[in-house]
Structures are given as structure tokens and as C-alpha cells.
PDB file of N, CA and C in Angstrom:
ATOM      1  N   UNK A   1      46.202  55.961  11.477  1.00  0.00           N
ATOM      2  CA  UNK A   1      44.921  56.556  11.118  1.00  0.00           C
ATOM      3  C   UNK A   1      44.011  55.523  10.460  1.00  0.00           C
ATOM      4  N   UNK A   2      44.538  54.728   9.565  1.00  0.00           N
ATOM      5  CA  UNK A   2      43.740  53.757   8.825  1.00  0.00           C
ATOM      6  C   UNK A   2      43.735  52.390   9.508  1.00  0.00           C
ATOM      7  N   UNK A   3      44.355  52.287  10.653  1.00  0.00           N
ATOM      8  CA  UNK A   3      44.538  50.972  11.273  1.00  0.00           C
ATOM      9  C   UNK A   3      43.229  50.288  11.654  1.00  0.00           C
ATOM     10  N   UNK A   4      42.253  51.032  12.110  1.00  0.00           N
ATOM     11  CA  UNK A   4      40.994  50.427  12.551  1.00  0.00           C
ATOM     12  C   UNK A   4      40.293  49.648  11.455  1.00  0.00           C
ATOM     13  N   UNK A   5      40.235  50.214  10.268  1.00  0.00           N
ATOM     14  CA  UNK A   5      39.548  49.520   9.177  1.00  0.00           C
ATOM     15  C   UNK A   5      40.351  48.309   8.699  1.00  0.00           C
ATOM     16  N   UNK A   6      41.667  48.392   8.747  1.00  0.00           N
ATOM     17  CA  UNK A   6      42.498  47.255   8.346  1.00  0.00           C
ATOM     18  C   UNK A   6      42.417  46.132   9.385  1.00  0.00           C
ATOM     19  N   UNK A   7      42.391  46.490  10.657  1.00  0.00           N
ATOM     20  CA  UNK A   7      42.255  45.474  11.701  1.00  0.00           C
ATOM     21  C   UNK A   7      40.883  44.803  11.572  1.00  0.00           C
ATOM     22  N   UNK A   8      39.858  45.595  11.261  1.00  0.00           N
ATOM     23  CA  UNK A   8      38.521  45.030  11.031  1.00  0.00           C
ATOM     24  C   UNK A   8      38.550  44.056   9.860  1.00  0.00           C
ATOM     25  N   UNK A   9      39.284  44.400   8.807  1.00  0.00           N
ATOM     26  CA  UNK A   9      39.392  43.513   7.648  1.00  0.00           C
ATOM     27  C   UNK A   9      40.050  42.186   8.040  1.00  0.00           C
ATOM     28  N   UNK A  10      41.051  42.240   8.896  1.00  0.00           N
ATOM     29  CA  UNK A  10      41.703  41.006   9.356  1.00  0.00           C
ATOM     30  C   UNK A  10      40.741  40.148  10.182  1.00  0.00           C
ATOM     31  N   UNK A  11      39.991  40.780  11.052  1.00  0.00           N
ATOM     32  CA  UNK A  11      39.003  40.028  11.841  1.00  0.00           C
ATOM     33  C   UNK A  11      37.970  39.394  10.913  1.00  0.00           C
ATOM     34  N   UNK A  12      37.580  40.122   9.871  1.00  0.00           N
ATOM     35  CA  UNK A  12      36.630  39.591   8.901  1.00  0.00           C
ATOM     36  C   UNK A  12      37.210  38.372   8.195  1.00  0.00           C
ATOM     37  N   UNK A  13      38.480  38.468   7.812  1.00  0.00           N
ATOM     38  CA  UNK A  13      39.158  37.367   7.135  1.00  0.00           C
ATOM     39  C   UNK A  13      39.123  36.087   7.967  1.00  0.00           C
ATOM     40  N   UNK A  14      39.233  36.246   9.283  1.00  0.00           N
ATOM     41  CA  UNK A  14      39.234  35.095  10.174  1.00  0.00           C
ATOM     42  C   UNK A  14      37.840  34.744  10.696  1.00  0.00           C
ATOM     43  N   UNK A  15      36.811  35.379  10.121  1.00  0.00           N
ATOM     44  CA  UNK A  15      35.441  35.046  10.480  1.00  0.00           C
ATOM     45  C   UNK A  15      34.976  35.618  11.807  1.00  0.00           C
ATOM     46  N   UNK A  16      35.701  36.589  12.329  1.00  0.00           N
ATOM     47  CA  UNK A  16      35.374  37.193  13.625  1.00  0.00           C
ATOM     48  C   UNK A  16      34.556  38.472  13.391  1.00  0.00           C
ATOM     49  N   UNK A  17      33.296  38.275  13.005  1.00  0.00           N
ATOM     50  CA  UNK A  17      32.455  39.411  12.624  1.00  0.00           C
ATOM     51  C   UNK A  17      32.211  40.390  13.773  1.00  0.00           C
ATOM     52  N   UNK A  18      31.973  39.881  14.967  1.00  0.00           N
ATOM     53  CA  UNK A  18      31.709  40.778  16.090  1.00  0.00           C
ATOM     54  C   UNK A  18      32.895  41.708  16.347  1.00  0.00           C
ATOM     55  N   UNK A  19      34.090  41.157  16.308  1.00  0.00           N
ATOM     56  CA  UNK A  19      35.292  41.974  16.503  1.00  0.00           C
ATOM     57  C   UNK A  19      35.473  42.962  15.360  1.00  0.00           C
ATOM     58  N   UNK A  20      35.180  42.519  14.140  1.00  0.00           N
ATOM     59  CA  UNK A  20      35.292  43.405  12.985  1.00  0.00           C
ATOM     60  C   UNK A  20      34.358  44.600  13.133  1.00  0.00           C
ATOM     61  N   UNK A  21      33.124  44.345  13.528  1.00  0.00           N
ATOM     62  CA  UNK A  21      32.179  45.447  13.705  1.00  0.00           C
ATOM     63  C   UNK A  21      32.605  46.374  14.841  1.00  0.00           C
ATOM     64  N   UNK A  22      33.182  45.827  15.885  1.00  0.00           N
ATOM     65  CA  UNK A  22      33.668  46.669  16.982  1.00  0.00           C
ATOM     66  C   UNK A  22      34.731  47.634  16.472  1.00  0.00           C
ATOM     67  N   UNK A  23      35.645  47.143  15.647  1.00  0.00           N
ATOM     68  CA  UNK A  23      36.689  48.008  15.086  1.00  0.00           C
ATOM     69  C   UNK A  23      36.103  49.034  14.121  1.00  0.00           C
ATOM     70  N   UNK A  24      35.149  48.618  13.310  1.00  0.00           N
ATOM     71  CA  UNK A  24      34.537  49.546  12.356  1.00  0.00           C
ATOM     72  C   UNK A  24      33.751  50.636  13.078  1.00  0.00           C
ATOM     73  N   UNK A  25      33.091  50.284  14.155  1.00  0.00           N
ATOM     74  CA  UNK A  25      32.307  51.267  14.915  1.00  0.00           C
ATOM     75  C   UNK A  25      33.197  52.314  15.562  1.00  0.00           C
ATOM     76  N   UNK A  26      34.395  51.926  15.981  1.00  0.00           N
ATOM     77  CA  UNK A  26      35.265  52.854  16.708  1.00  0.00           C
ATOM     78  C   UNK A  26      36.307  53.536  15.827  1.00  0.00           C
ATOM     79  N   UNK A  27      36.364  53.139  14.571  1.00  0.00           N
ATOM     80  CA  UNK A  27      37.331  53.711  13.640  1.00  0.00           C
ATOM     81  C   UNK A  27      36.971  55.161  13.336  1.00  0.00           C
ATOM     82  N   UNK A  28      37.953  56.015  13.239  1.00  0.00           N
ATOM     83  CA  UNK A  28      37.726  57.416  12.851  1.00  0.00           C
ATOM     84  C   UNK A  28      37.837  57.513  11.336  1.00  0.00           C
ATOM     85  N   UNK A  29      36.693  57.600  10.701  1.00  0.00           N
ATOM     86  CA  UNK A  29      36.611  57.558   9.249  1.00  0.00           C
ATOM     87  C   UNK A  29      36.927  58.905   8.612  1.00  0.00           C
ATOM     88  N   UNK A  30      37.704  58.867   7.534  1.00  0.00           N
ATOM     89  CA  UNK A  30      37.915  60.056   6.719  1.00  0.00           C
ATOM     90  C   UNK A  30      36.892  60.016   5.581  1.00  0.00           C
ATOM     91  N   UNK A  31      36.712  61.129   4.920  1.00  0.00           N
ATOM     92  CA  UNK A  31      35.775  61.183   3.798  1.00  0.00           C
ATOM     93  C   UNK A  31      36.173  60.193   2.709  1.00  0.00           C
ATOM     94  N   UNK A  32      37.457  60.109   2.414  1.00  0.00           N
ATOM     95  CA  UNK A  32      37.938  59.185   1.377  1.00  0.00           C
ATOM     96  C   UNK A  32      37.667  57.731   1.764  1.00  0.00           C
ATOM     97  N   UNK A  33      37.850  57.390   3.026  1.00  0.00           N
ATOM     98  CA  UNK A  33      37.602  56.024   3.477  1.00  0.00           C
ATOM     99  C   UNK A  33      36.118  55.685   3.395  1.00  0.00           C
ATOM    100  N   UNK A  34      35.278  56.641   3.736  1.00  0.00           N
ATOM    101  CA  UNK A  34      33.836  56.408   3.634  1.00  0.00           C
ATOM    102  C   UNK A  34      33.438  56.144   2.192  1.00  0.00           C
ATOM    103  N   UNK A  35      34.028  56.895   1.276  1.00  0.00           N
ATOM    104  CA  UNK A  35      33.735  56.695  -0.146  1.00  0.00           C
ATOM    105  C   UNK A  35      34.213  55.319  -0.613  1.00  0.00           C
ATOM    106  N   UNK A  36      35.330  54.862  -0.089  1.00  0.00           N
ATOM    107  CA  UNK A  36      35.884  53.573  -0.480  1.00  0.00           C
ATOM    108  C   UNK A  36      35.248  52.381   0.214  1.00  0.00           C
ATOM    109  N   UNK A  37      34.455  52.652   1.237  1.00  0.00           N
ATOM    110  CA  UNK A  37      33.842  51.569   2.006  1.00  0.00           C
ATOM    111  C   UNK A  37      32.964  50.678   1.124  1.00  0.00           C
ATOM    112  N   UNK A  38      32.294  51.259   0.179  1.00  0.00           N
ATOM    113  CA  UNK A  38      31.417  50.474  -0.701  1.00  0.00           C
ATOM    114  C   UNK A  38      32.188  49.496  -1.578  1.00  0.00           C
ATOM    115  N   UNK A  39      33.430  49.819  -1.900  1.00  0.00           N
ATOM    116  CA  UNK A  39      34.203  49.001  -2.832  1.00  0.00           C
ATOM    117  C   UNK A  39      35.232  48.105  -2.133  1.00  0.00           C
ATOM    118  N   UNK A  40      35.354  48.234  -0.822  1.00  0.00           N
ATOM    119  CA  UNK A  40      36.381  47.472  -0.104  1.00  0.00           C
ATOM    120  C   UNK A  40      36.008  45.988  -0.081  1.00  0.00           C
ATOM    121  N   UNK A  41      36.697  45.204  -0.865  1.00  0.00           N
ATOM    122  CA  UNK A  41      36.371  43.779  -0.989  1.00  0.00           C
ATOM    123  C   UNK A  41      36.637  43.010   0.296  1.00  0.00           C
ATOM    124  N   UNK A  42      37.483  43.538   1.143  1.00  0.00           N
ATOM    125  CA  UNK A  42      37.769  42.856   2.404  1.00  0.00           C
ATOM    126  C   UNK A  42      36.567  42.889   3.348  1.00  0.00           C
ATOM    127  N   UNK A  43      35.651  43.811   3.107  1.00  0.00           N
ATOM    128  CA  UNK A  43      34.458  43.906   3.934  1.00  0.00           C
ATOM    129  C   UNK A  43      33.275  43.135   3.343  1.00  0.00           C
ATOM    130  N   UNK A  44      33.457  42.525   2.196  1.00  0.00           N
ATOM    131  CA  UNK A  44      32.366  41.806   1.524  1.00  0.00           C
ATOM    132  C   UNK A  44      31.659  40.789   2.428  1.00  0.00           C
ATOM    133  N   UNK A  45      32.373  40.011   3.237  1.00  0.00           N
ATOM    134  CA  UNK A  45      31.676  39.040   4.083  1.00  0.00           C
ATOM    135  C   UNK A  45      30.743  39.681   5.119  1.00  0.00           C
ATOM    136  N   UNK A  46      30.895  40.977   5.362  1.00  0.00           N
ATOM    137  CA  UNK A  46      30.057  41.659   6.347  1.00  0.00           C
ATOM    138  C   UNK A  46      28.805  42.270   5.728  1.00  0.00           C
ATOM    139  N   UNK A  47      28.790  42.405   4.429  1.00  0.00           N
ATOM    140  CA  UNK A  47      27.710  43.140   3.763  1.00  0.00           C
ATOM    141  C   UNK A  47      26.323  42.538   3.979  1.00  0.00           C
ATOM    142  N   UNK A  48      26.220  41.251   4.148  1.00  0.00           N
ATOM    143  CA  UNK A  48      24.910  40.626   4.345  1.00  0.00           C
ATOM    144  C   UNK A  48      24.410  40.761   5.787  1.00  0.00           C
ATOM    145  N   UNK A  49      25.264  41.197   6.678  1.00  0.00           N
ATOM    146  CA  UNK A  49      24.899  41.368   8.077  1.00  0.00           C
ATOM    147  C   UNK A  49      24.161  42.707   8.235  1.00  0.00           C
ATOM    148  N   UNK A  50      23.006  42.727   8.890  1.00  0.00           N
ATOM    149  CA  UNK A  50      22.257  43.972   9.060  1.00  0.00           C
ATOM    150  C   UNK A  50      23.046  45.079   9.766  1.00  0.00           C
ATOM    151  N   UNK A  51      24.051  44.685  10.555  1.00  0.00           N
ATOM    152  CA  UNK A  51      24.873  45.689  11.238  1.00  0.00           C
ATOM    153  C   UNK A  51      25.670  46.526  10.247  1.00  0.00           C
ATOM    154  N   UNK A  52      26.006  45.953   9.096  1.00  0.00           N
ATOM    155  CA  UNK A  52      26.780  46.690   8.097  1.00  0.00           C
ATOM    156  C   UNK A  52      25.939  47.828   7.511  1.00  0.00           C
ATOM    157  N   UNK A  53      24.703  47.526   7.161  1.00  0.00           N
ATOM    158  CA  UNK A  53      23.807  48.553   6.635  1.00  0.00           C
ATOM    159  C   UNK A  53      23.568  49.623   7.688  1.00  0.00           C
ATOM    160  N   UNK A  54      23.365  49.208   8.921  1.00  0.00           N
ATOM    161  CA  UNK A  54      23.143  50.149  10.020  1.00  0.00           C
ATOM    162  C   UNK A  54      24.359  51.061  10.196  1.00  0.00           C
ATOM    163  N   UNK A  55      25.551  50.487  10.128  1.00  0.00           N
ATOM    164  CA  UNK A  55      26.785  51.268  10.239  1.00  0.00           C
ATOM    165  C   UNK A  55      26.890  52.271   9.097  1.00  0.00           C
ATOM    166  N   UNK A  56      26.624  51.813   7.878  1.00  0.00           N
ATOM    167  CA  UNK A  56      26.709  52.715   6.729  1.00  0.00           C
ATOM    168  C   UNK A  56      25.712  53.869   6.845  1.00  0.00           C
ATOM    169  N   UNK A  57      24.527  53.582   7.334  1.00  0.00           N
ATOM    170  CA  UNK A  57      23.537  54.650   7.513  1.00  0.00           C
ATOM    171  C   UNK A  57      24.001  55.636   8.592  1.00  0.00           C
ATOM    172  N   UNK A  58      24.532  55.112   9.689  1.00  0.00           N
ATOM    173  CA  UNK A  58      24.994  55.976  10.772  1.00  0.00           C
ATOM    174  C   UNK A  58      26.130  56.889  10.311  1.00  0.00           C
ATOM    175  N   UNK A  59      26.992  56.351   9.436  1.00  0.00           N
ATOM    176  CA  UNK A  59      28.124  57.120   8.957  1.00  0.00           C
ATOM    177  C   UNK A  59      27.760  58.030   7.780  1.00  0.00           C
ATOM    178  N   UNK A  60      26.532  57.884   7.262  1.00  0.00           N
ATOM    179  CA  UNK A  60      26.103  58.727   6.161  1.00  0.00           C
ATOM    180  C   UNK A  60      26.473  58.206   4.789  1.00  0.00           C
ATOM    181  N   UNK A  61      26.939  56.963   4.721  1.00  0.00           N
ATOM    182  CA  UNK A  61      27.300  56.364   3.444  1.00  0.00           C
ATOM    183  C   UNK A  61      26.033  55.987   2.665  1.00  0.00           C
ATOM    184  N   UNK A  62      25.025  55.541   3.402  1.00  0.00           N
ATOM    185  CA  UNK A  62      23.719  55.214   2.817  1.00  0.00           C
ATOM    186  C   UNK A  62      22.694  56.196   3.386  1.00  0.00           C
ATOM    187  N   UNK A  63      21.744  56.558   2.582  1.00  0.00           N
ATOM    188  CA  UNK A  63      20.660  57.393   3.065  1.00  0.00           C
ATOM    189  C   UNK A  63      19.527  56.491   3.540  1.00  0.00           C
ATOM    190  N   UNK A  64      18.795  56.927   4.562  1.00  0.00           N
ATOM    191  CA  UNK A  64      17.718  56.087   5.110  1.00  0.00           C
ATOM    192  C   UNK A  64      16.644  55.726   4.120  1.00  0.00           C
TER     193      UNK A  64
END
């Protein structure tokens, strides 16, 4: 269940941002995971990428 976000974190660790975003886009998020997305330090390298903000808005983590 949580594998998609962890695989995305591994891709992020290796600098593979495109692959990380692909995993994050297709991951089935639970409410708890969405709440933790803001604090997940493994996703920190993605935060400056505009795709991260777009993803958070699409998932309802950020309001427009």
C-alpha cells in the first residue's frame, strides 16, 4: 500500500526526479499519508520543483 511513496523517495535519493514524480502521481494516497506528505524529509529535494506544488494541489494537500 505504501510502496509507491517509498519507491518515489528512493528515486528522489538517486536524483531521478521524473521517476519520483511518476510514482507519486500513481500512488494511492491515504488520508494519513497526505497529512504526512508535508513533513516527509525524503521528498525535500522535490519541493522546489513546480510539479510538487501542482501534485499537492491536485491531491488537496494545498488549497489553490
